[in-house]
Amino acid sequence: MGEAACPGGWGVKTGRGVVMAADAAASETGVAEFGILGPLEVSRSGCAVPLGGPRQRAVLALLLLEANRVVSMDRLAEDVWGGHPPEGWATTLQTYVFHLRHALEPDRARGVAGDVLVTRDHGYLLRVNRDHLDAALFQDGFTAGRAALEAGRYAEAAATLRNALDLWRSPVLADLADYAFTRPEAARLEELRLAALEARIDADLALGRHDAVAAELEQLAAEHPLRERLHGQLMLALYRCSRQADALAAYRHVRDLLAGELGIDPGEPLQHLHAAVLAHDPALDWHPGSQPLVSAEDHRADAGTRLCPRRQGNLAGGRPPTAGSWPGCGGAPAACWPSARRWRSPQP
């Protein structure tokens, strides 16, 4: 597969052989494609669109985070200048918008109203189709992959979730992380990314890929030490790789970590899994065609705190998800992750 025509374009992902349908459409029509799953990025027909300096980029970023909604000039000034807009900020803001309009619609005739970045009610509105925003494509892919996982279509789920996760280039709006207005959405999308990653690992475990995911899970559990679900997935993968001692050591590690950091014991699901590993419970073994005990509610939940009670769960729908059962656990609730257990975020 050939590279994109212009350096820096993200319309074609050649490294992993992934091409999104929306990217192909954009190449034909010249529609702007927006990327926030990494540094702010806009491309047209595979070519990067120049966006100007940091504050001008921050204006576009805020309009993207509020896509298809009017953002008042007062709010833009407040967020872009951190609560201290300078004298003449309105003129400066209008200049930023003028340059952004030219960048987003270079073929627009002079004096003709913009179709993408429009003036509305003492503010501005950025019109964005969700097929042209990487964060929306990611969330749609997550939803589709989760539905496939729930339906037992594990190969489809794994591939769909991988494609969705491949859209991430680095942390959300990494080049604008110093702007406070980016942080809530960055945290929300990062939580969704981790939930999608856990769901993809569920699919891989259900497909018998425990050898392939064990090393990945060791790294993930180290990077996110308070997410018990990752530790549980690691224990299951190690056990299925005939590494019972390592699975038990992984449990002792998370138990000691939780006791030292939070003064709590592992959750009941992880304790059940530990007991099953100790007992060599046959329900933990993987067999082709084995079914995970995953409730429909578990994977329909939009996002939230996955096994870390201290983290907020009001993501993409407001319901914290429940922790699903271990894929391929054969049907013994005591040995698997009980689908009835809920993880609720703390009340404010």
Protein backbone atom coordinates (compact mmCIF):
# COMPACT_ATOMS: atom_id res chain seq x y z
CA MET A 1 0.00 0.00 0.00
CA GLY A 2 1.40 3.39 -0.96
CA GLU A 3 2.05 6.22 1.39
CA ALA A 4 -0.19 9.28 1.62
CA ALA A 5 0.64 11.96 -0.93
CA CYS A 6 1.80 14.51 1.65
CA PRO A 7 3.98 14.02 4.72
CA GLY A 8 2.07 14.26 7.96
CA GLY A 9 -1.27 13.22 6.47
CA TRP A 10 -3.22 10.79 8.64
CA GLY A 11 -5.83 9.82 6.04
CA VAL A 12 -3.95 6.59 5.22
CA LYS A 13 -2.39 4.47 7.93
CA THR A 14 0.20 2.39 6.12
CA GLY A 15 2.09 1.07 9.14
CA ARG A 16 -0.65 -1.38 10.10
CA GLY A 17 -2.50 -1.60 6.84
CA VAL A 18 -5.56 0.22 8.14
CA VAL A 19 -7.60 2.47 5.88
CA MET A 20 -10.79 3.99 7.26
CA ALA A 21 -13.71 4.40 4.86
CA ALA A 22 -14.02 8.06 5.78
CA ASP A 23 -10.39 8.60 4.78
CA ALA A 24 -10.99 7.31 1.28
CA ALA A 25 -14.04 9.54 0.93
CA ALA A 26 -12.04 12.55 2.09
CA SER A 27 -9.37 11.85 -0.53
CA GLU A 28 -12.01 12.03 -3.25
CA THR A 29 -13.93 15.08 -2.04
CA GLY A 30 -11.26 17.15 -0.29
CA VAL A 31 -13.29 17.23 2.92
CA ALA A 32 -11.27 18.23 5.96
CA GLU A 33 -10.43 15.43 8.38
CA PHE A 34 -9.89 16.38 12.03
CA GLY A 35 -7.64 14.59 14.48
CA ILE A 36 -7.50 15.09 18.24
CA LEU A 37 -6.24 11.61 19.25
CA GLY A 38 -2.75 13.02 19.40
CA PRO A 39 -1.50 16.51 18.53
CA LEU A 40 -4.20 18.59 16.85
CA GLU A 41 -4.22 17.68 13.18
CA VAL A 42 -6.29 18.58 10.12
CA SER A 43 -5.78 17.03 6.71
CA ARG A 44 -7.36 17.24 3.31
CA SER A 45 -6.78 14.59 0.63
CA GLY A 46 -3.98 13.18 2.75
CA CYS A 47 -2.19 16.53 3.09
CA ALA A 48 -1.66 18.29 6.40
CA VAL A 49 -3.42 21.65 6.73
CA PRO A 50 -1.30 24.41 8.37
CA LEU A 51 -3.06 25.64 11.49
CA GLY A 52 -0.89 28.50 12.74
CA GLY A 53 0.50 29.14 16.19
CA PRO A 54 -0.50 27.68 19.56
CA ARG A 55 -3.33 30.09 20.40
CA GLN A 56 -4.87 29.83 16.96
CA ARG A 57 -4.66 26.03 17.27
CA ALA A 58 -6.22 26.29 20.71
CA VAL A 59 -9.19 28.17 19.22
CA LEU A 60 -9.73 25.35 16.72
CA ALA A 61 -9.28 22.70 19.43
CA LEU A 62 -11.96 24.25 21.63
CA LEU A 63 -14.34 24.51 18.67
CA LEU A 64 -13.65 20.84 17.88
CA LEU A 65 -14.33 19.76 21.45
CA GLU A 66 -17.66 21.60 21.16
CA ALA A 67 -18.26 20.54 17.55
CA ASN A 68 -21.65 21.52 16.11
CA ARG A 69 -22.35 23.74 19.14
CA VAL A 70 -21.96 27.47 19.41
CA VAL A 71 -18.99 28.62 21.51
CA SER A 72 -19.30 32.20 22.65
CA MET A 73 -16.50 34.66 22.09
CA ASP A 74 -16.36 35.25 25.84
CA ARG A 75 -15.73 31.57 26.51
CA LEU A 76 -13.12 31.37 23.77
CA ALA A 77 -11.31 34.33 25.32
CA GLU A 78 -11.56 32.86 28.82
CA ASP A 79 -10.22 29.42 27.81
CA VAL A 80 -7.65 30.41 25.22
CA TRP A 81 -6.03 33.08 27.44
CA GLY A 82 -6.45 31.16 30.69
CA GLY A 83 -8.85 33.64 32.26
CA HIS A 84 -6.72 36.70 31.44
CA PRO A 85 -7.56 37.89 27.92
CA PRO A 86 -5.51 40.91 26.82
CA GLU A 87 -6.74 44.26 25.64
CA GLY A 88 -8.10 43.94 22.12
CA TRP A 89 -8.70 40.21 22.48
CA ALA A 90 -11.85 40.33 20.33
CA THR A 91 -9.90 41.61 17.32
CA THR A 92 -7.19 39.02 17.89
CA LEU A 93 -9.77 36.25 18.14
CA GLN A 94 -11.46 37.39 14.94
CA THR A 95 -8.06 37.32 13.21
CA TYR A 96 -7.51 33.72 14.37
CA VAL A 97 -10.93 32.74 13.02
CA PHE A 98 -10.23 34.48 9.71
CA HIS A 99 -7.04 32.47 9.22
CA LEU A 100 -8.70 29.21 10.31
CA ARG A 101 -11.52 29.74 7.82
CA HIS A 102 -9.01 30.20 5.04
CA ALA A 103 -7.16 27.05 6.10
CA LEU A 104 -10.33 24.95 6.37
CA GLU A 105 -12.02 26.27 3.22
CA PRO A 106 -9.27 27.49 0.89
CA ASP A 107 -11.58 27.51 -2.14
CA ARG A 108 -14.22 29.71 -0.51
CA ALA A 109 -14.75 32.92 -2.48
CA ARG A 110 -13.88 36.15 -0.71
CA GLY A 111 -16.91 37.61 1.09
CA VAL A 112 -18.87 34.35 0.97
CA ALA A 113 -19.99 33.00 4.35
CA GLY A 114 -18.15 29.91 5.54
CA ASP A 115 -19.82 26.52 5.60
CA VAL A 116 -17.46 24.88 8.11
CA LEU A 117 -16.57 27.59 10.64
CA VAL A 118 -19.59 29.86 10.95
CA THR A 119 -20.46 32.93 13.01
CA ARG A 120 -23.50 32.37 15.19
CA ASP A 121 -25.04 34.19 18.17
CA HIS A 122 -21.98 36.22 19.24
CA GLY A 123 -19.79 33.17 18.88
CA TYR A 124 -18.58 30.53 16.47
CA LEU A 125 -19.71 27.05 15.48
CA LEU A 126 -17.57 24.40 13.78
CA ARG A 127 -19.55 21.99 11.62
CA VAL A 128 -18.01 18.52 11.76
CA ASN A 129 -19.44 15.24 10.50
CA ARG A 130 -18.56 12.48 12.95
CA ASP A 131 -17.11 10.47 10.04
CA HIS A 132 -14.45 13.17 9.77
CA LEU A 133 -13.32 13.29 13.41
CA ASP A 134 -10.98 10.58 14.66
CA ALA A 135 -12.38 10.63 18.20
CA ALA A 136 -15.89 9.93 16.90
CA LEU A 137 -14.59 7.16 14.62
CA PHE A 138 -12.81 5.64 17.61
CA GLN A 139 -15.94 5.70 19.76
CA ASP A 140 -18.04 4.19 16.95
CA GLY A 141 -15.44 1.45 16.51
CA PHE A 142 -15.42 0.80 20.24
CA THR A 143 -19.21 0.45 20.24
CA ALA A 144 -19.15 -1.92 17.26
CA GLY A 145 -16.32 -4.00 18.69
CA ARG A 146 -18.02 -4.26 22.06
CA ALA A 147 -21.25 -5.41 20.38
CA ALA A 148 -19.34 -8.09 18.45
CA LEU A 149 -17.66 -9.25 21.66
CA GLU A 150 -20.99 -9.45 23.43
CA ALA A 151 -22.42 -11.49 20.53
CA GLY A 152 -19.53 -13.97 20.67
CA ARG A 153 -17.95 -12.84 17.37
CA TYR A 154 -14.50 -12.68 18.92
CA ALA A 155 -12.37 -12.43 15.77
CA GLU A 156 -14.54 -9.57 14.49
CA ALA A 157 -14.42 -7.90 17.90
CA ALA A 158 -10.64 -8.14 18.13
CA ALA A 159 -10.13 -6.74 14.61
CA THR A 160 -12.67 -3.94 15.05
CA LEU A 161 -11.25 -2.84 18.39
CA ARG A 162 -7.70 -2.94 17.02
CA ASN A 163 -8.71 -0.70 14.13
CA ALA A 164 -10.34 1.72 16.56
CA LEU A 165 -7.30 1.77 18.83
CA ASP A 166 -4.99 2.29 15.83
CA LEU A 167 -6.53 5.75 15.39
CA TRP A 168 -4.65 6.92 18.48
CA ARG A 169 -1.35 8.66 17.71
CA SER A 170 -0.52 9.87 21.24
CA PRO A 171 -2.43 11.45 24.17
CA VAL A 172 -5.39 13.64 23.24
CA LEU A 173 -4.35 17.10 22.01
CA ALA A 174 -0.84 16.41 23.25
CA ASP A 175 0.48 19.67 21.79
CA LEU A 176 -2.14 21.69 23.71
CA ALA A 177 -2.03 19.87 27.04
CA ASP A 178 -1.10 23.09 28.85
CA TYR A 179 -4.57 24.49 28.10
CA ALA A 180 -6.88 23.52 30.96
CA PHE A 181 -9.96 23.22 28.73
CA THR A 182 -8.46 20.17 26.96
CA ARG A 183 -8.04 18.09 30.12
CA PRO A 184 -11.60 16.86 30.86
CA GLU A 185 -12.10 15.51 27.33
CA ALA A 186 -8.59 14.11 27.27
CA ALA A 187 -9.30 12.20 30.49
CA ARG A 188 -12.66 10.97 29.18
CA LEU A 189 -11.21 9.67 25.94
CA GLU A 190 -8.22 8.10 27.69
CA GLU A 191 -10.59 6.17 29.93
CA LEU A 192 -12.47 5.00 26.85
CA ARG A 193 -9.19 3.95 25.26
CA LEU A 194 -8.31 1.80 28.24
CA ALA A 195 -11.81 0.27 28.25
CA ALA A 196 -11.45 -0.53 24.53
CA LEU A 197 -8.03 -2.03 25.18
CA GLU A 198 -9.44 -4.25 27.93
CA ALA A 199 -12.28 -5.33 25.64
CA ARG A 200 -9.80 -6.15 22.86
CA ILE A 201 -7.80 -8.26 25.30
CA ASP A 202 -11.02 -10.03 26.31
CA ALA A 203 -11.55 -10.91 22.65
CA ASP A 204 -7.96 -12.11 22.28
CA LEU A 205 -8.27 -14.28 25.39
CA ALA A 206 -11.51 -15.75 24.06
CA LEU A 207 -9.63 -16.63 20.85
CA GLY A 208 -6.92 -18.45 22.77
CA ARG A 209 -4.23 -15.81 22.22
CA HIS A 210 -3.03 -15.90 25.83
CA ASP A 211 0.60 -16.41 24.74
CA ALA A 212 0.45 -13.28 22.59
CA VAL A 213 -1.13 -11.00 25.21
CA ALA A 214 0.78 -12.07 28.34
CA ALA A 215 3.76 -9.78 27.77
CA GLU A 216 1.50 -6.90 26.74
CA LEU A 217 -0.55 -7.34 29.91
CA GLU A 218 2.55 -7.32 32.09
CA GLN A 219 3.42 -3.89 30.70
CA LEU A 220 -0.15 -2.59 30.94
CA ALA A 221 -0.55 -3.75 34.53
CA ALA A 222 2.68 -1.93 35.41
CA GLU A 223 1.50 1.25 33.67
CA HIS A 224 -1.97 1.14 35.27
CA PRO A 225 -1.35 -0.53 38.64
CA LEU A 226 -4.75 0.27 40.16
CA ARG A 227 -6.85 -1.29 37.36
CA GLU A 228 -7.68 -4.68 38.83
CA ARG A 229 -9.20 -5.89 35.59
CA LEU A 230 -5.83 -5.73 33.84
CA HIS A 231 -4.25 -7.66 36.69
CA GLY A 232 -6.98 -10.27 36.43
CA GLN A 233 -6.51 -10.59 32.68
CA LEU A 234 -2.77 -10.98 33.27
CA MET A 235 -3.34 -13.72 35.84
CA LEU A 236 -5.62 -15.60 33.46
CA ALA A 237 -3.21 -15.28 30.53
CA LEU A 238 -0.28 -16.50 32.66
CA TYR A 239 -2.30 -19.43 34.00
CA ARG A 240 -3.28 -20.48 30.49
CA CYS A 241 0.40 -20.32 29.50
CA SER A 242 1.08 -22.97 32.18
CA ARG A 243 2.64 -20.33 34.42
CA GLN A 244 0.59 -20.88 37.57
CA ALA A 245 3.39 -19.66 39.86
CA ASP A 246 3.67 -16.41 37.89
CA ALA A 247 -0.11 -15.95 38.00
CA LEU A 248 -0.05 -16.33 41.78
CA ALA A 249 2.88 -13.93 42.04
CA ALA A 250 0.91 -11.40 39.99
CA TYR A 251 -1.94 -11.66 42.50
CA ARG A 252 0.41 -11.15 45.46
CA HIS A 253 1.87 -8.11 43.72
CA VAL A 254 -1.48 -6.39 43.19
CA ARG A 255 -2.67 -7.38 46.68
CA ASP A 256 0.40 -5.78 48.27
CA LEU A 257 0.12 -2.73 46.02
CA LEU A 258 -3.52 -2.11 46.89
CA ALA A 259 -2.82 -2.58 50.59
CA GLY A 260 0.12 -0.20 50.50
CA GLU A 261 -1.41 2.49 48.28
CA LEU A 262 -5.07 2.42 49.31
CA GLY A 263 -5.28 0.28 52.43
CA ILE A 264 -7.73 -2.13 50.75
CA ASP A 265 -7.82 -5.75 49.66
CA PRO A 266 -8.33 -6.84 46.06
CA GLY A 267 -11.94 -6.93 44.96
CA GLU A 268 -14.01 -10.07 45.32
CA PRO A 269 -13.69 -10.97 41.60
CA LEU A 270 -9.89 -10.98 41.78
CA GLN A 271 -10.02 -13.02 44.98
CA HIS A 272 -12.25 -15.59 43.25
CA LEU A 273 -9.82 -15.77 40.35
CA HIS A 274 -6.91 -16.27 42.76
CA ALA A 275 -8.75 -19.14 44.46
CA ALA A 276 -9.49 -20.72 41.08
CA VAL A 277 -5.83 -20.52 40.06
CA LEU A 278 -4.78 -22.13 43.33
CA ALA A 279 -7.29 -24.95 42.79
CA HIS A 280 -6.37 -25.52 39.12
CA ASP A 281 -10.05 -25.01 38.36
CA PRO A 282 -10.77 -26.52 34.91
CA ALA A 283 -13.16 -23.64 34.26
CA LEU A 284 -10.12 -21.41 33.69
CA ASP A 285 -8.79 -23.52 30.83
CA TRP A 286 -9.28 -22.31 27.28
CA HIS A 287 -11.12 -24.48 24.78
CA PRO A 288 -12.02 -23.56 21.17
CA GLY A 289 -15.54 -22.23 21.11
CA SER A 290 -15.74 -21.64 24.85
CA GLN A 291 -18.07 -18.82 25.80
CA PRO A 292 -17.26 -15.97 28.20
CA LEU A 293 -19.74 -15.07 30.91
CA VAL A 294 -20.21 -11.51 29.70
CA SER A 295 -23.46 -9.76 30.47
CA ALA A 296 -25.10 -7.56 27.88
CA GLU A 297 -25.05 -4.65 30.31
CA ASP A 298 -21.32 -4.98 30.90
CA HIS A 299 -20.37 -4.24 27.31
CA ARG A 300 -23.14 -1.77 26.53
CA ALA A 301 -21.91 0.51 29.31
CA ASP A 302 -20.22 3.40 27.59
CA ALA A 303 -17.18 3.95 29.78
CA GLY A 304 -16.15 4.68 33.33
CA THR A 305 -14.08 3.35 36.16
CA ARG A 306 -12.72 -0.04 35.24
CA LEU A 307 -11.57 -1.52 38.51
CA CYS A 308 -10.28 1.69 40.04
CA PRO A 309 -12.94 3.00 42.46
CA ARG A 310 -11.16 6.34 42.85
CA ARG A 311 -11.60 7.34 39.21
CA GLN A 312 -14.65 9.07 37.82
CA GLY A 313 -16.92 7.12 35.47
CA ASN A 314 -19.05 9.80 33.81
CA LEU A 315 -17.87 9.05 30.28
CA ALA A 316 -19.76 9.05 27.00
CA GLY A 317 -23.12 8.32 28.54
CA GLY A 318 -22.68 8.70 32.27
CA ARG A 319 -22.91 5.04 33.39
CA PRO A 320 -19.91 3.31 34.92
CA PRO A 321 -19.57 -0.15 33.39
CA THR A 322 -19.62 -3.40 35.27
CA ALA A 323 -16.65 -5.67 35.01
CA GLY A 324 -17.27 -8.48 32.56
CA SER A 325 -16.44 -12.15 33.19
CA TRP A 326 -13.21 -13.74 32.07
CA PRO A 327 -13.44 -14.87 28.43
CA GLY A 328 -13.53 -18.61 27.96
CA CYS A 329 -14.05 -19.44 31.63
CA GLY A 330 -16.34 -22.27 30.75
CA GLY A 331 -19.27 -21.32 32.94
CA ALA A 332 -18.19 -21.49 36.59
CA PRO A 333 -19.14 -18.18 38.18
CA ALA A 334 -16.93 -18.72 41.20
CA ALA A 335 -13.90 -19.08 38.96
CA CYS A 336 -14.71 -16.21 36.64
CA TRP A 337 -15.44 -12.51 36.89
CA PRO A 338 -19.00 -12.24 38.26
CA SER A 339 -21.05 -10.20 35.82
CA ALA A 340 -23.31 -9.09 38.66
CA ARG A 341 -20.54 -7.10 40.34
CA ARG A 342 -20.75 -3.37 39.68
CA TRP A 343 -17.99 -0.83 39.92
CA ARG A 344 -19.44 2.51 40.88
CA SER A 345 -17.58 5.77 40.80
CA PRO A 346 -17.54 7.73 44.05
CA GLN A 347 -20.26 10.27 44.60
CA PRO A 348 -19.11 13.87 44.31
